[in-house]
Amino acid sequence: MGLANMPFGFYGAAVLITVPQLLAARGVPQPTIAAITATAMIPTFCGFLLAPILDVHFNRRSYAIFFGLLTAALAVLALVSIGHIGRFTALLVGGFLAANLFYNALGGWLGDIVGKGAEGKLGASFTIGNVGGFGAGAISFITLRSRVSMATGCSRNCNTTAIA
């Protein structure tokens, strides 16, 4: 059941593996790439502060579905907005916040479903889902990026469009 947590790891791979490569290919300086990546990671260590909203109004399953879909939508919007650093960074942060809330909602929902004493197995499968999602995301994104670059004949710095 915890393998349902794969989208959290998948989004992490997008932010930590793909985004820096895409920004570097656009000629963005390394300190800017590091700042964007670090900013995008903020919800991973303070997103729990918003987790209590998951106990209000809707059930955890509804929140998990909503935040899972929102994570995917914000990831797509971020990648489409890569030419606008401010919007791009805000969308990455929002996406990781949505992914974090997805993770918390999913944990609460599945924690209610599993029987007494199975919480440890659920926690272990959550970790496996996160790590597996990160690995699958990293492999997918790197493969996709290299194939797109080869198909378009681009080298590492094929698109040096100025970042506004």
N, C-alpha and C. Protein backbone atom coordinates (compact mmCIF):
# COMPACT_ATOMS: atom_id res chain seq x y z
N MET A 1 0.82 -1.20 0.00
CA MET A 1 0.00 0.00 0.00
C MET A 1 0.86 1.26 0.00
N GLY A 2 1.98 1.18 0.66
CA GLY A 2 2.84 2.36 0.74
C GLY A 2 3.48 2.71 -0.59
N LEU A 3 3.43 1.79 -1.55
CA LEU A 3 3.98 2.10 -2.86
C LEU A 3 3.19 3.21 -3.54
N ALA A 4 2.01 3.51 -3.01
CA ALA A 4 1.24 4.64 -3.53
C ALA A 4 1.96 5.95 -3.26
N ASN A 5 3.01 5.90 -2.46
CA ASN A 5 3.80 7.09 -2.14
C ASN A 5 4.81 7.42 -3.24
N MET A 6 4.86 6.65 -4.27
CA MET A 6 5.84 6.88 -5.34
C MET A 6 5.79 8.29 -5.95
N PRO A 7 4.62 8.93 -6.09
CA PRO A 7 4.62 10.28 -6.65
C PRO A 7 5.47 11.28 -5.84
N PHE A 8 5.55 11.09 -4.53
CA PHE A 8 6.37 11.97 -3.71
C PHE A 8 7.84 11.84 -4.12
N GLY A 9 8.32 10.63 -4.26
CA GLY A 9 9.69 10.41 -4.71
C GLY A 9 9.91 10.86 -6.15
N PHE A 10 8.91 10.65 -6.97
CA PHE A 10 8.99 11.04 -8.38
C PHE A 10 9.16 12.56 -8.49
N TYR A 11 8.39 13.30 -7.71
CA TYR A 11 8.51 14.76 -7.73
C TYR A 11 9.88 15.20 -7.21
N GLY A 12 10.35 14.51 -6.18
CA GLY A 12 11.69 14.81 -5.65
C GLY A 12 12.77 14.63 -6.71
N ALA A 13 12.64 13.58 -7.51
CA ALA A 13 13.60 13.36 -8.59
C ALA A 13 13.53 14.47 -9.62
N ALA A 14 12.34 14.93 -9.92
CA ALA A 14 12.19 16.02 -10.89
C ALA A 14 12.91 17.26 -10.40
N VAL A 15 12.72 17.59 -9.12
CA VAL A 15 13.33 18.82 -8.57
C VAL A 15 14.84 18.67 -8.39
N LEU A 16 15.29 17.53 -7.90
CA LEU A 16 16.71 17.37 -7.57
C LEU A 16 17.58 16.89 -8.72
N ILE A 17 17.01 16.24 -9.70
CA ILE A 17 17.80 15.71 -10.82
C ILE A 17 17.54 16.49 -12.10
N THR A 18 16.29 16.59 -12.50
CA THR A 18 15.95 17.16 -13.80
C THR A 18 16.06 18.67 -13.85
N VAL A 19 15.49 19.35 -12.86
CA VAL A 19 15.49 20.82 -12.87
C VAL A 19 16.90 21.40 -12.96
N PRO A 20 17.85 20.93 -12.14
CA PRO A 20 19.20 21.50 -12.29
C PRO A 20 19.79 21.27 -13.69
N GLN A 21 19.53 20.10 -14.28
CA GLN A 21 20.04 19.84 -15.62
C GLN A 21 19.39 20.75 -16.66
N LEU A 22 18.08 20.92 -16.55
CA LEU A 22 17.39 21.80 -17.49
C LEU A 22 17.87 23.25 -17.37
N LEU A 23 18.03 23.70 -16.14
CA LEU A 23 18.50 25.08 -15.94
C LEU A 23 19.93 25.25 -16.43
N ALA A 24 20.78 24.28 -16.18
CA ALA A 24 22.17 24.35 -16.66
C ALA A 24 22.21 24.38 -18.19
N ALA A 25 21.34 23.60 -18.82
CA ALA A 25 21.29 23.58 -20.29
C ALA A 25 20.84 24.92 -20.85
N ARG A 26 20.12 25.70 -20.04
CA ARG A 26 19.67 27.02 -20.47
C ARG A 26 20.68 28.10 -20.12
N GLY A 27 21.81 27.72 -19.55
CA GLY A 27 22.86 28.68 -19.23
C GLY A 27 22.67 29.42 -17.92
N VAL A 28 21.82 28.91 -17.04
CA VAL A 28 21.60 29.54 -15.75
C VAL A 28 22.82 29.28 -14.87
N PRO A 29 23.34 30.30 -14.18
CA PRO A 29 24.52 30.11 -13.32
C PRO A 29 24.25 29.12 -12.18
N GLN A 30 25.30 28.40 -11.79
CA GLN A 30 25.17 27.39 -10.74
C GLN A 30 24.63 27.93 -9.42
N PRO A 31 25.04 29.11 -8.95
CA PRO A 31 24.47 29.60 -7.70
C PRO A 31 22.95 29.82 -7.79
N THR A 32 22.48 30.23 -8.94
CA THR A 32 21.03 30.42 -9.13
C THR A 32 20.32 29.07 -9.13
N ILE A 33 20.92 28.08 -9.78
CA ILE A 33 20.35 26.74 -9.79
C ILE A 33 20.28 26.19 -8.37
N ALA A 34 21.35 26.38 -7.61
CA ALA A 34 21.37 25.90 -6.21
C ALA A 34 20.30 26.61 -5.38
N ALA A 35 20.14 27.90 -5.59
CA ALA A 35 19.13 28.66 -4.83
C ALA A 35 17.72 28.19 -5.17
N ILE A 36 17.45 27.95 -6.44
CA ILE A 36 16.13 27.48 -6.86
C ILE A 36 15.85 26.10 -6.27
N THR A 37 16.83 25.21 -6.36
CA THR A 37 16.65 23.86 -5.85
C THR A 37 16.44 23.87 -4.33
N ALA A 38 17.25 24.66 -3.62
CA ALA A 38 17.10 24.74 -2.16
C ALA A 38 15.76 25.34 -1.77
N THR A 39 15.33 26.35 -2.49
CA THR A 39 14.03 26.96 -2.20
C THR A 39 12.90 25.97 -2.44
N ALA A 40 12.99 25.22 -3.52
CA ALA A 40 11.95 24.23 -3.84
C ALA A 40 11.85 23.16 -2.77
N MET A 41 12.94 22.91 -2.05
CA MET A 41 12.96 21.87 -1.03
C MET A 41 12.39 22.32 0.31
N ILE A 42 12.11 23.59 0.49
CA ILE A 42 11.63 24.09 1.78
C ILE A 42 10.43 23.31 2.31
N PRO A 43 9.43 23.01 1.49
CA PRO A 43 8.27 22.27 2.03
C PRO A 43 8.61 20.89 2.58
N THR A 44 9.73 20.32 2.18
CA THR A 44 10.06 18.97 2.68
C THR A 44 10.44 18.98 4.15
N PHE A 45 10.88 20.11 4.67
CA PHE A 45 11.22 20.13 6.09
C PHE A 45 10.33 21.04 6.93
N CYS A 46 9.41 21.77 6.31
CA CYS A 46 8.48 22.56 7.12
C CYS A 46 7.03 22.42 6.67
N GLY A 47 6.78 21.55 5.70
CA GLY A 47 5.42 21.34 5.22
C GLY A 47 4.50 20.73 6.25
N PHE A 48 5.08 20.07 7.26
CA PHE A 48 4.25 19.46 8.29
C PHE A 48 3.45 20.51 9.06
N LEU A 49 3.89 21.76 9.00
CA LEU A 49 3.17 22.82 9.70
C LEU A 49 1.76 23.02 9.14
N LEU A 50 1.57 22.68 7.86
CA LEU A 50 0.25 22.81 7.24
C LEU A 50 -0.56 21.51 7.29
N ALA A 51 0.05 20.43 7.75
CA ALA A 51 -0.63 19.13 7.78
C ALA A 51 -1.94 19.13 8.58
N PRO A 52 -2.08 19.94 9.64
CA PRO A 52 -3.37 19.92 10.35
C PRO A 52 -4.59 20.29 9.50
N ILE A 53 -4.39 20.96 8.36
CA ILE A 53 -5.54 21.26 7.51
C ILE A 53 -6.16 19.98 6.96
N LEU A 54 -5.40 18.89 6.98
CA LEU A 54 -5.89 17.62 6.46
C LEU A 54 -6.93 16.98 7.38
N ASP A 55 -7.09 17.53 8.58
CA ASP A 55 -8.08 17.01 9.52
C ASP A 55 -9.39 17.79 9.48
N VAL A 56 -9.49 18.74 8.56
CA VAL A 56 -10.66 19.61 8.51
C VAL A 56 -11.45 19.35 7.23
N HIS A 57 -12.71 19.26 7.32
CA HIS A 57 -13.70 19.22 6.24
C HIS A 57 -13.73 17.90 5.46
N PHE A 58 -12.71 17.57 4.71
CA PHE A 58 -12.74 16.37 3.86
C PHE A 58 -12.02 15.21 4.54
N ASN A 59 -12.19 14.00 3.99
CA ASN A 59 -11.45 12.86 4.53
C ASN A 59 -10.06 12.79 3.89
N ARG A 60 -9.20 11.99 4.48
CA ARG A 60 -7.81 11.90 4.01
C ARG A 60 -7.72 11.37 2.58
N ARG A 61 -8.60 10.48 2.19
CA ARG A 61 -8.58 9.96 0.83
C ARG A 61 -8.81 11.08 -0.18
N SER A 62 -9.78 11.94 0.10
CA SER A 62 -10.06 13.07 -0.80
C SER A 62 -8.87 14.01 -0.89
N TYR A 63 -8.26 14.29 0.26
CA TYR A 63 -7.08 15.15 0.25
C TYR A 63 -5.92 14.50 -0.51
N ALA A 64 -5.74 13.18 -0.34
CA ALA A 64 -4.66 12.49 -1.04
C ALA A 64 -4.85 12.58 -2.55
N ILE A 65 -6.05 12.35 -3.00
CA ILE A 65 -6.33 12.42 -4.45
C ILE A 65 -6.13 13.85 -4.95
N PHE A 66 -6.69 14.82 -4.23
CA PHE A 66 -6.56 16.22 -4.64
C PHE A 66 -5.10 16.66 -4.70
N PHE A 67 -4.35 16.41 -3.63
CA PHE A 67 -2.96 16.88 -3.62
C PHE A 67 -2.07 16.08 -4.56
N GLY A 68 -2.41 14.83 -4.83
CA GLY A 68 -1.67 14.07 -5.83
C GLY A 68 -1.84 14.66 -7.22
N LEU A 69 -3.08 14.99 -7.56
CA LEU A 69 -3.33 15.62 -8.86
C LEU A 69 -2.74 17.03 -8.93
N LEU A 70 -2.83 17.77 -7.83
CA LEU A 70 -2.26 19.11 -7.80
C LEU A 70 -0.74 19.07 -7.97
N THR A 71 -0.09 18.09 -7.38
CA THR A 71 1.36 17.93 -7.53
C THR A 71 1.72 17.76 -9.00
N ALA A 72 1.01 16.89 -9.69
CA ALA A 72 1.28 16.66 -11.12
C ALA A 72 1.04 17.91 -11.94
N ALA A 73 -0.07 18.60 -11.66
CA ALA A 73 -0.39 19.82 -12.41
C ALA A 73 0.66 20.90 -12.19
N LEU A 74 1.09 21.08 -10.95
CA LEU A 74 2.10 22.10 -10.67
C LEU A 74 3.46 21.75 -11.27
N ALA A 75 3.76 20.46 -11.36
CA ALA A 75 5.01 20.05 -12.00
C ALA A 75 5.00 20.43 -13.48
N VAL A 76 3.89 20.16 -14.13
CA VAL A 76 3.78 20.51 -15.56
C VAL A 76 3.83 22.03 -15.74
N LEU A 77 3.08 22.76 -14.93
CA LEU A 77 3.10 24.23 -15.02
C LEU A 77 4.49 24.79 -14.77
N ALA A 78 5.21 24.20 -13.83
CA ALA A 78 6.57 24.68 -13.54
C ALA A 78 7.47 24.49 -14.75
N LEU A 79 7.42 23.31 -15.34
CA LEU A 79 8.29 23.05 -16.49
C LEU A 79 7.94 23.92 -17.67
N VAL A 80 6.67 24.24 -17.85
CA VAL A 80 6.26 25.14 -18.92
C VAL A 80 6.74 26.57 -18.64
N SER A 81 6.89 26.92 -17.37
CA SER A 81 7.30 28.27 -16.96
C SER A 81 8.78 28.40 -16.70
N ILE A 82 9.59 27.50 -17.21
CA ILE A 82 11.01 27.50 -16.88
C ILE A 82 11.73 28.78 -17.31
N GLY A 83 11.18 29.49 -18.25
CA GLY A 83 11.80 30.73 -18.71
C GLY A 83 11.59 31.91 -17.78
N HIS A 84 10.77 31.77 -16.78
CA HIS A 84 10.48 32.84 -15.82
C HIS A 84 10.85 32.34 -14.43
N ILE A 85 12.05 32.68 -13.99
CA ILE A 85 12.62 32.12 -12.76
C ILE A 85 11.71 32.29 -11.55
N GLY A 86 11.13 33.45 -11.34
CA GLY A 86 10.27 33.68 -10.18
C GLY A 86 9.06 32.76 -10.17
N ARG A 87 8.34 32.73 -11.28
CA ARG A 87 7.15 31.87 -11.39
C ARG A 87 7.55 30.41 -11.31
N PHE A 88 8.62 30.06 -11.98
CA PHE A 88 9.13 28.69 -11.98
C PHE A 88 9.43 28.21 -10.56
N THR A 89 10.16 29.03 -9.81
CA THR A 89 10.51 28.68 -8.44
C THR A 89 9.27 28.56 -7.56
N ALA A 90 8.36 29.50 -7.69
CA ALA A 90 7.12 29.46 -6.89
C ALA A 90 6.31 28.19 -7.20
N LEU A 91 6.25 27.82 -8.46
CA LEU A 91 5.52 26.61 -8.83
C LEU A 91 6.20 25.35 -8.30
N LEU A 92 7.54 25.34 -8.30
CA LEU A 92 8.26 24.20 -7.74
C LEU A 92 8.00 24.07 -6.24
N VAL A 93 8.02 25.21 -5.54
CA VAL A 93 7.74 25.20 -4.10
C VAL A 93 6.31 24.73 -3.86
N GLY A 94 5.36 25.29 -4.61
CA GLY A 94 3.97 24.87 -4.48
C GLY A 94 3.78 23.40 -4.78
N GLY A 95 4.49 22.91 -5.78
CA GLY A 95 4.41 21.49 -6.12
C GLY A 95 4.94 20.60 -5.01
N PHE A 96 6.07 21.02 -4.41
CA PHE A 96 6.61 20.20 -3.31
C PHE A 96 5.73 20.30 -2.08
N LEU A 97 5.09 21.43 -1.87
CA LEU A 97 4.14 21.55 -0.76
C LEU A 97 2.95 20.62 -1.00
N ALA A 98 2.44 20.61 -2.23
CA ALA A 98 1.33 19.71 -2.57
C ALA A 98 1.77 18.26 -2.43
N ALA A 99 3.00 17.94 -2.85
CA ALA A 99 3.51 16.57 -2.72
C ALA A 99 3.63 16.18 -1.25
N ASN A 100 4.08 17.11 -0.43
CA ASN A 100 4.21 16.85 1.00
C ASN A 100 2.84 16.63 1.64
N LEU A 101 1.86 17.44 1.28
CA LEU A 101 0.51 17.26 1.81
C LEU A 101 -0.11 15.96 1.29
N PHE A 102 0.21 15.60 0.06
CA PHE A 102 -0.21 14.31 -0.49
C PHE A 102 0.35 13.18 0.38
N TYR A 103 1.63 13.26 0.67
CA TYR A 103 2.31 12.26 1.49
C TYR A 103 1.64 12.12 2.86
N ASN A 104 1.36 13.26 3.49
CA ASN A 104 0.73 13.24 4.81
C ASN A 104 -0.71 12.72 4.75
N ALA A 105 -1.46 13.14 3.75
CA ALA A 105 -2.84 12.66 3.61
C ALA A 105 -2.88 11.16 3.32
N LEU A 106 -1.99 10.73 2.46
CA LEU A 106 -1.92 9.31 2.11
C LEU A 106 -1.56 8.48 3.35
N GLY A 107 -0.59 8.96 4.11
CA GLY A 107 -0.20 8.25 5.33
C GLY A 107 -1.35 8.15 6.32
N GLY A 108 -2.10 9.22 6.50
CA GLY A 108 -3.25 9.19 7.39
C GLY A 108 -4.35 8.27 6.90
N TRP A 109 -4.59 8.30 5.61
CA TRP A 109 -5.62 7.46 5.03
C TRP A 109 -5.25 5.98 5.16
N LEU A 110 -4.05 5.63 4.71
CA LEU A 110 -3.63 4.23 4.76
C LEU A 110 -3.40 3.76 6.19
N GLY A 111 -2.98 4.68 7.07
CA GLY A 111 -2.80 4.34 8.47
C GLY A 111 -4.10 3.92 9.13
N ASP A 112 -5.21 4.45 8.66
CA ASP A 112 -6.52 4.07 9.18
C ASP A 112 -6.99 2.72 8.63
N ILE A 113 -6.46 2.34 7.48
CA ILE A 113 -6.90 1.11 6.82
C ILE A 113 -6.18 -0.12 7.36
N VAL A 114 -4.88 -0.01 7.61
CA VAL A 114 -4.10 -1.18 8.03
C VAL A 114 -4.49 -1.61 9.44
N GLY A 115 -4.34 -2.88 9.71
CA GLY A 115 -4.68 -3.41 11.01
C GLY A 115 -3.65 -3.06 12.07
N LYS A 116 -4.04 -3.24 13.31
CA LYS A 116 -3.13 -3.00 14.43
C LYS A 116 -1.88 -3.85 14.27
N GLY A 117 -0.74 -3.24 14.46
CA GLY A 117 0.53 -3.95 14.37
C GLY A 117 1.14 -3.93 12.99
N ALA A 118 0.40 -3.48 11.98
CA ALA A 118 0.93 -3.45 10.61
C ALA A 118 1.47 -2.08 10.24
N GLU A 119 1.49 -1.15 11.21
CA GLU A 119 1.96 0.20 10.92
C GLU A 119 3.43 0.23 10.48
N GLY A 120 4.24 -0.65 11.08
CA GLY A 120 5.66 -0.72 10.70
C GLY A 120 5.86 -1.14 9.26
N LYS A 121 5.07 -2.13 8.83
CA LYS A 121 5.15 -2.57 7.43
C LYS A 121 4.70 -1.46 6.49
N LEU A 122 3.68 -0.73 6.90
CA LEU A 122 3.20 0.38 6.08
C LEU A 122 4.29 1.45 5.97
N GLY A 123 4.91 1.77 7.10
CA GLY A 123 5.99 2.77 7.10
C GLY A 123 7.15 2.34 6.21
N ALA A 124 7.51 1.06 6.28
CA ALA A 124 8.59 0.55 5.43
C ALA A 124 8.21 0.63 3.96
N SER A 125 6.96 0.28 3.65
CA SER A 125 6.55 0.34 2.24
C SER A 125 6.45 1.79 1.76
N PHE A 126 6.15 2.73 2.67
CA PHE A 126 6.16 4.15 2.31
C PHE A 126 7.57 4.57 1.90
N THR A 127 8.56 4.14 2.65
CA THR A 127 9.94 4.47 2.32
C THR A 127 10.35 3.84 1.00
N ILE A 128 9.96 2.59 0.81
CA ILE A 128 10.26 1.91 -0.46
C ILE A 128 9.60 2.65 -1.62
N GLY A 129 8.36 3.08 -1.43
CA GLY A 129 7.66 3.83 -2.47
C GLY A 129 8.35 5.15 -2.78
N ASN A 130 8.79 5.85 -1.74
CA ASN A 130 9.49 7.12 -1.92
C ASN A 130 10.80 6.91 -2.68
N VAL A 131 11.61 5.98 -2.21
CA VAL A 131 12.91 5.71 -2.84
C VAL A 131 12.70 5.16 -4.26
N GLY A 132 11.74 4.25 -4.40
CA GLY A 132 11.46 3.69 -5.73
C GLY A 132 10.96 4.76 -6.69
N GLY A 133 10.10 5.64 -6.19
CA GLY A 133 9.61 6.74 -7.03
C GLY A 133 10.73 7.68 -7.44
N PHE A 134 11.64 7.96 -6.50
CA PHE A 134 12.79 8.82 -6.83
C PHE A 134 13.65 8.16 -7.89
N GLY A 135 13.93 6.87 -7.70
CA GLY A 135 14.76 6.16 -8.68
C GLY A 135 14.10 6.08 -10.05
N ALA A 136 12.82 5.72 -10.06
CA ALA A 136 12.09 5.64 -11.34
C ALA A 136 12.01 7.01 -12.00
N GLY A 137 11.78 8.04 -11.20
CA GLY A 137 11.73 9.39 -11.75
C GLY A 137 13.07 9.82 -12.32
N ALA A 138 14.13 9.57 -11.57
CA ALA A 138 15.46 9.97 -12.04
C ALA A 138 15.81 9.26 -13.34
N ILE A 139 15.57 7.97 -13.40
CA ILE A 139 15.87 7.22 -14.62
C ILE A 139 15.02 7.72 -15.78
N SER A 140 13.73 7.92 -15.52
CA SER A 140 12.82 8.38 -16.58
C SER A 140 13.21 9.75 -17.10
N PHE A 141 13.45 10.68 -16.16
CA PHE A 141 13.75 12.05 -16.56
C PHE A 141 15.08 12.15 -17.29
N ILE A 142 16.09 11.43 -16.81
CA ILE A 142 17.40 11.47 -17.46
C ILE A 142 17.31 10.85 -18.85
N THR A 143 16.61 9.73 -18.96
CA THR A 143 16.44 9.08 -20.26
C THR A 143 15.68 9.98 -21.22
N LEU A 144 14.59 10.56 -20.75
CA LEU A 144 13.79 11.45 -21.59
C LEU A 144 14.61 12.66 -22.03
N ARG A 145 15.35 13.26 -21.10
CA ARG A 145 16.15 14.43 -21.44
C ARG A 145 17.22 14.10 -22.47
N SER A 146 17.89 12.97 -22.31
CA SER A 146 18.94 12.61 -23.27
C SER A 146 18.35 12.28 -24.63
N ARG A 147 17.20 11.65 -24.67
CA ARG A 147 16.57 11.31 -25.96
C ARG A 147 16.06 12.56 -26.67
N VAL A 148 15.50 13.49 -25.91
CA VAL A 148 15.03 14.74 -26.51
C VAL A 148 16.23 15.51 -27.06
N SER A 149 17.32 15.56 -26.29
CA SER A 149 18.52 16.26 -26.76
C SER A 149 19.08 15.63 -28.02
N MET A 150 19.12 14.29 -28.06
CA MET A 150 19.63 13.61 -29.25
C MET A 150 18.71 13.83 -30.44
N ALA A 151 17.41 13.79 -30.21
CA ALA A 151 16.45 13.95 -31.31
C ALA A 151 16.50 15.35 -31.92
N THR A 152 16.80 16.35 -31.10
CA THR A 152 16.86 17.71 -31.60
C THR A 152 18.26 18.12 -32.01
N GLY A 153 19.25 17.24 -31.78
CA GLY A 153 20.62 17.55 -32.13
C GLY A 153 21.27 18.55 -31.20
N CYS A 154 20.74 18.69 -30.01
CA CYS A 154 21.27 19.65 -29.04
C CYS A 154 22.37 19.03 -28.21
N SER A 155 23.32 19.84 -27.86
CA SER A 155 24.34 19.42 -26.90
C SER A 155 23.90 19.88 -25.52
N ARG A 156 24.79 19.83 -24.56
CA ARG A 156 24.46 20.19 -23.17
C ARG A 156 23.90 21.60 -23.09
N ASN A 157 24.43 22.56 -23.82
CA ASN A 157 23.97 23.95 -23.78
C ASN A 157 23.21 24.32 -25.04
N CYS A 158 22.26 23.46 -25.41
CA CYS A 158 21.57 23.69 -26.68
C CYS A 158 20.62 24.86 -26.65
N ASN A 159 20.12 25.22 -25.48
CA ASN A 159 19.15 26.30 -25.41
C ASN A 159 19.62 27.31 -24.37
N THR A 160 20.20 28.36 -24.82
CA THR A 160 20.73 29.36 -23.88
C THR A 160 19.85 30.60 -23.86
N THR A 161 18.54 30.35 -23.93
CA THR A 161 17.58 31.45 -23.84
C THR A 161 17.77 32.20 -22.53
N ALA A 162 17.78 33.50 -22.61
CA ALA A 162 17.96 34.30 -21.38
C ALA A 162 16.79 34.07 -20.42
N ILE A 163 17.12 33.96 -19.16
CA ILE A 163 16.11 33.78 -18.12
C ILE A 163 15.73 35.15 -17.60
N ALA A 164 14.45 35.46 -17.67
CA ALA A 164 13.97 36.77 -17.22
C ALA A 164 13.50 36.70 -15.79
